[in-house]
């Protein structure tokens, strides 16, 4: 009888110890899981975020090259503004400056790319100069504007693409009735606002009523 009671007591104690060990093991696992959450997940979600890496923008051309191209664009815009005002003297003065600016671009720098790029850009520049020089020979503002439209066609997209333009954002804008009310023509602007150099403020037929006629066709953004 005593042995039976003692056997039951030992079984009870063994079972009790087993349950205690099992409970302790569960607690240890819970603590381990909590520690992993705290040190891994909580720190990464609530800690300060590292700044995202940004790419380095590399310029293809020297500052001197881009500065000369910027001057070309500036003089072109002066010609455009002169035609808006209907001022032929100012248009020719700006065209002289424009041609001089074209001649000052250090085109030799393009040879570091490939010979074909240099030759394409050189040919494009020659076409621009030819039409600008023709403008200087004209006395009629309509004929001057026609040469100006051809300068624009030679600059966009050919010249800008061949030199890999890196200047300010420009807009290609279009007048659907630039000549004889039916022939369209483009111009370049540094603003998306339409200020038409072909109909202008002193048009013999429309006066200043059509100066905002036209639309933006494209934009030129440095890559």
Protein backbone atom coordinates (compact mmCIF):
# COMPACT_ATOMS: atom_id res chain seq x y z
CA UNK A 1 0.00 0.00 0.00
CA UNK A 2 2.76 2.40 0.99
CA UNK A 3 4.68 1.53 -2.20
CA UNK A 4 1.62 2.27 -4.28
CA UNK A 5 1.16 5.67 -2.61
CA UNK A 6 4.84 6.43 -3.03
CA UNK A 7 4.65 5.46 -6.70
CA UNK A 8 1.72 7.78 -7.24
CA UNK A 9 3.58 10.62 -5.55
CA UNK A 10 6.64 10.15 -7.75
CA UNK A 11 4.48 10.05 -10.87
CA UNK A 12 2.75 13.23 -9.78
CA UNK A 13 6.07 14.99 -9.14
CA UNK A 14 7.46 13.84 -12.50
CA UNK A 15 4.36 15.08 -14.30
CA UNK A 16 4.54 18.38 -12.46
CA UNK A 17 8.22 18.85 -13.37
CA UNK A 18 7.47 17.99 -17.00
CA UNK A 19 4.72 20.61 -17.20
CA UNK A 20 6.96 23.21 -15.56
CA UNK A 21 9.73 22.52 -18.06
CA UNK A 22 7.27 22.74 -20.94
CA UNK A 23 5.89 26.07 -19.69
CA UNK A 24 9.43 27.39 -19.22
CA UNK A 25 10.37 26.33 -22.76
CA UNK A 26 7.34 28.15 -24.18
CA UNK A 27 8.27 31.30 -22.24
CA UNK A 28 11.86 31.13 -23.55
CA UNK A 29 10.62 30.80 -27.14
CA UNK A 30 8.24 33.75 -26.69
CA UNK A 31 11.04 35.91 -25.27
CA UNK A 32 13.31 34.93 -28.16
CA UNK A 33 10.64 35.81 -30.71
CA UNK A 34 10.02 39.17 -29.05
CA UNK A 35 13.74 39.92 -29.03
CA UNK A 36 14.00 39.18 -32.77
CA UNK A 37 11.04 41.49 -33.48
CA UNK A 38 12.42 44.31 -31.33
CA UNK A 39 15.96 44.33 -32.65
CA UNK A 40 15.23 43.57 -36.28
CA UNK A 41 11.82 44.75 -37.38
CA UNK A 42 11.07 47.52 -34.92
CA UNK A 43 14.41 49.25 -35.45
CA UNK A 44 14.15 49.16 -39.21
CA UNK A 45 10.58 50.47 -39.37
CA UNK A 46 10.85 53.21 -36.76
CA UNK A 47 14.45 54.30 -37.10
CA UNK A 48 15.53 57.23 -39.28
CA UNK A 49 15.43 56.41 -42.99
CA UNK A 50 18.64 56.63 -44.93
CA UNK A 51 18.52 59.08 -47.86
CA UNK A 52 17.98 57.51 -51.25
CA UNK A 53 21.07 57.55 -53.46
CA UNK A 54 20.84 60.03 -56.31
CA UNK A 55 22.53 59.67 -59.65
CA UNK A 56 25.30 62.03 -60.66
CA UNK A 57 24.41 64.09 -63.72
CA UNK A 58 27.39 64.31 -66.01
CA UNK A 59 27.67 67.06 -68.59
CA UNK A 60 28.90 66.05 -72.03
CA UNK A 61 30.25 69.52 -72.89
CA UNK A 62 32.51 72.06 -71.23
CA UNK A 63 31.09 75.16 -69.58
CA UNK A 64 32.64 77.25 -72.36
CA UNK A 65 30.84 75.25 -75.05
CA UNK A 66 27.47 75.45 -73.30
CA UNK A 67 27.93 79.15 -72.63
CA UNK A 68 28.41 79.83 -76.36
CA UNK A 69 25.34 77.76 -77.24
CA UNK A 70 23.34 79.68 -74.62
CA UNK A 71 24.40 82.92 -76.35
CA UNK A 72 23.16 81.55 -79.69
CA UNK A 73 19.80 80.75 -78.14
CA UNK A 74 19.61 84.17 -76.46
CA UNK A 75 20.30 85.99 -79.75
CA UNK A 76 17.74 83.80 -81.56
CA UNK A 77 15.13 84.78 -78.95
CA UNK A 78 16.02 88.44 -79.53
CA UNK A 79 15.29 87.99 -83.25
CA UNK A 80 11.99 86.35 -82.39
CA UNK A 81 11.03 89.20 -80.04
CA UNK A 82 11.92 91.78 -82.70
CA UNK A 83 9.51 90.13 -85.13
CA UNK A 84 6.79 90.14 -82.47
CA UNK A 85 7.19 93.92 -82.37
CA UNK A 86 7.50 94.17 -86.16
CA UNK A 87 10.91 95.85 -85.76
CA UNK A 88 13.04 94.92 -88.77
CA UNK A 89 16.07 96.97 -87.64
CA UNK A 90 16.18 95.19 -84.28
CA UNK A 91 15.68 91.83 -86.04
CA UNK A 92 18.71 92.44 -88.28
CA UNK A 93 20.84 93.70 -85.40
CA UNK A 94 20.06 90.56 -83.41
CA UNK A 95 20.72 88.40 -86.47
CA UNK A 96 24.24 89.85 -86.78
CA UNK A 97 24.81 88.95 -83.11
CA UNK A 98 23.30 85.52 -83.73
CA UNK A 99 25.70 84.75 -86.61
CA UNK A 100 28.66 85.94 -84.54
CA UNK A 101 27.55 83.69 -81.68
CA UNK A 102 27.32 80.72 -84.04
CA UNK A 103 30.90 81.35 -85.19
CA UNK A 104 32.11 81.44 -81.58
CA UNK A 105 30.92 77.93 -80.64
CA UNK A 106 34.04 75.75 -80.12
CA UNK A 107 32.80 73.02 -82.47
CA UNK A 108 36.18 71.24 -82.34
CA UNK A 109 35.11 70.00 -78.92
CA UNK A 110 32.60 67.68 -80.60
CA UNK A 111 35.45 65.71 -82.18
CA UNK A 112 36.01 64.02 -78.84
CA UNK A 113 32.76 62.12 -79.46
CA UNK A 114 32.94 60.88 -83.05
CA UNK A 115 33.85 62.37 -86.39
CA UNK A 116 30.31 61.83 -87.68
CA UNK A 117 28.82 63.85 -84.79
CA UNK A 118 31.20 66.71 -85.49
CA UNK A 119 30.48 66.67 -89.22
CA UNK A 120 26.69 66.49 -88.72
CA UNK A 121 26.73 69.39 -86.26
CA UNK A 122 29.03 71.43 -88.51
CA UNK A 123 26.73 70.93 -91.51
CA UNK A 124 23.69 71.86 -89.44
CA UNK A 125 25.41 75.02 -88.20
CA UNK A 126 26.28 75.94 -91.78
CA UNK A 127 22.63 75.66 -92.85
CA UNK A 128 21.55 77.87 -89.95
CA UNK A 129 24.12 80.53 -90.86
CA UNK A 130 23.12 80.45 -94.53
CA UNK A 131 19.48 81.23 -93.73
CA UNK A 132 20.44 83.86 -91.17
CA UNK A 133 22.65 85.61 -93.74
CA UNK A 134 19.78 85.48 -96.23
CA UNK A 135 17.59 87.24 -93.67
CA UNK A 136 20.08 90.10 -93.57
CA UNK A 137 19.71 90.59 -97.34
CA UNK A 138 15.92 91.00 -97.18
CA UNK A 139 14.09 94.33 -96.97
CA UNK A 140 10.53 92.99 -96.69
CA UNK A 141 9.53 91.80 -93.22
CA UNK A 142 7.58 88.84 -94.61
CA UNK A 143 10.65 87.57 -96.46
CA UNK A 144 12.72 88.12 -93.34
CA UNK A 145 10.22 86.06 -91.34
CA UNK A 146 10.43 83.27 -93.92
CA UNK A 147 14.21 83.11 -93.45
CA UNK A 148 13.68 83.16 -89.69
CA UNK A 149 11.33 80.16 -90.01
CA UNK A 150 14.04 78.31 -91.96
CA UNK A 151 16.60 79.12 -89.25
CA UNK A 152 14.18 77.55 -86.79
CA UNK A 153 13.81 74.43 -88.94
CA UNK A 154 17.59 74.03 -89.10
CA UNK A 155 17.95 74.44 -85.33
CA UNK A 156 15.16 72.06 -84.36
CA UNK A 157 15.64 69.19 -84.16
CA UNK A 158 18.83 68.79 -86.17
CA UNK A 159 21.25 71.17 -84.50
CA UNK A 160 20.07 70.57 -80.94
CA UNK A 161 20.29 66.81 -81.37
CA UNK A 162 23.66 66.82 -83.08
CA UNK A 163 25.32 68.81 -80.31
CA UNK A 164 23.41 67.07 -77.49
CA UNK A 165 21.91 70.35 -76.23
CA UNK A 166 22.38 70.99 -72.49
CA UNK A 167 20.84 74.44 -72.06
CA UNK A 168 17.58 75.86 -70.75
CA UNK A 169 14.22 74.31 -71.56
CA UNK A 170 12.81 75.54 -74.85
CA UNK A 171 9.45 75.16 -76.57
CA UNK A 172 8.76 74.53 -80.23
CA UNK A 173 5.66 76.56 -81.09
CA UNK A 174 3.64 76.75 -84.28
CA UNK A 175 1.53 79.29 -86.13
CA UNK A 176 -0.91 77.57 -88.54
CA UNK A 177 -1.37 80.72 -90.67
CA UNK A 178 2.05 82.38 -90.62
CA UNK A 179 2.14 83.20 -94.34
CA UNK A 180 -0.84 84.02 -96.56
CA UNK A 181 -3.17 82.78 -93.81
CA UNK A 182 -2.52 79.16 -94.80
CA UNK A 183 1.19 78.32 -94.55
CA UNK A 184 2.33 77.27 -91.08
CA UNK A 185 5.68 78.05 -89.47
CA UNK A 186 7.47 77.20 -86.25
CA UNK A 187 9.51 79.20 -83.79
CA UNK A 188 11.39 78.53 -80.55
CA UNK A 189 10.58 80.15 -77.22
CA UNK A 190 11.78 79.94 -73.63
CA UNK A 191 8.15 80.16 -72.48
CA UNK A 192 5.09 78.04 -73.17
CA UNK A 193 3.09 81.26 -73.57
CA UNK A 194 2.27 81.91 -77.22
CA UNK A 195 3.61 85.24 -78.50
CA UNK A 196 3.57 84.90 -82.28
CA UNK A 197 6.53 86.41 -84.23
CA UNK A 198 4.86 85.80 -87.63
CA UNK A 199 1.59 87.65 -87.02
CA UNK A 200 3.05 89.93 -84.34
CA UNK A 201 1.68 93.13 -82.87
CA UNK A 202 1.77 95.22 -86.04
CA UNK A 203 0.35 92.86 -88.64
CA UNK A 204 -1.11 94.88 -91.57
CA UNK A 205 -4.31 92.84 -91.55
CA UNK A 206 -4.83 91.62 -87.98
CA UNK A 207 -2.92 94.29 -86.03
CA UNK A 208 -2.25 92.77 -82.57
CA UNK A 209 -5.35 90.58 -82.43
CA UNK A 210 -3.54 87.41 -83.52
CA UNK A 211 -0.35 87.77 -81.50
CA UNK A 212 -1.42 84.86 -79.27
CA UNK A 213 -2.40 82.60 -82.16
CA UNK A 214 -0.58 79.27 -82.18
CA UNK A 215 0.23 76.23 -80.07
CA UNK A 216 3.09 74.42 -78.39
CA UNK A 217 4.21 71.46 -80.51
CA UNK A 218 7.14 70.11 -78.53
CA UNK A 219 9.72 70.93 -75.88
CA UNK A 220 13.50 70.70 -75.84
CA UNK A 221 14.96 69.53 -72.54
CA UNK A 222 18.59 68.85 -71.76
CA UNK A 223 19.20 65.15 -71.13
